Amino acid sequence: MSLLTKIRFSLLVISIACILFFTACTNNNTTQQNPVSTQQPAPPQQSPTTGQNQQPQQPTTAQTIEFTGTVKQASKDSLSVTMPNGKELAMRVTEQTRRDKVPPDQPTVGQLIKVKTIADNQGNFVANKLELPDDEDRREPGIKKVNFEGITTSPVGKDNMLHFKVGNNTYDLPIDPSRTRIEDFANAQSIPGKQPVDVEVIYDGTRGTVTKVDNGLD
């Protein structure tokens, strides 16, 4: 091999080595500048469903007491009336109080009045309606009858006692299985706690007996 051929061969080897070295350096630099991400994308967050895990609200019903009684105290904005059981029930009188043929200057102390009162959010009573009693309201059993709209505070047990509240007032009255009209319930013991009820009671002095009870949601 001539000297010129050897020189050419050596230059070719050097050129090939330079090309290989430059290619390797270029690939390594590209890898560093654009590393492959191995991190998994975070799963999309699910927005909570409106109302999820919220407890259903208890049904709200009016709590009222309706009866005929004697006025013990009367003013422009308040009234106190004796119930058939002898207890006084105090209530506010407002511009929203309905007056059925009751003049603005009535009722007065000692007057017989028929009243429907409703419990407010604090459990106090507001006169909802005032009426002049008719003949039926003045005689028995009307004069001894009270109609309640309330909520039971516990289930009725074997003692057949109906425990319920109207506003801040609580009542514990017996059910007579042979005489009490039980509507919307299979029997007295099927009346649960926290149940809205309509209750009719007849009082004999201070003692009252449930004469009718039904579902207060109807």
Foldseek 3Di string as FASTA:
>chain_A
DDPVVVVVVVVVVVVVVVVVVVVVVVVVVVCVVDPDDPDDDDDDDDDDDVPPPPDDDDDDDWKKKKAKFFWADDDQFKTWGQALQRDIAIATEDPQEAEDPADSVDDDGGAIKIWMWTADPQLHIHTNYIYRDDPPCVDPPNNQKMKTWWFFAFAQDPQQWTWTDGRPDIDTAHEDQVAAAEPPAPGRRRGGGRFTKIWMWGDDHNHIHTRYIYGSVD
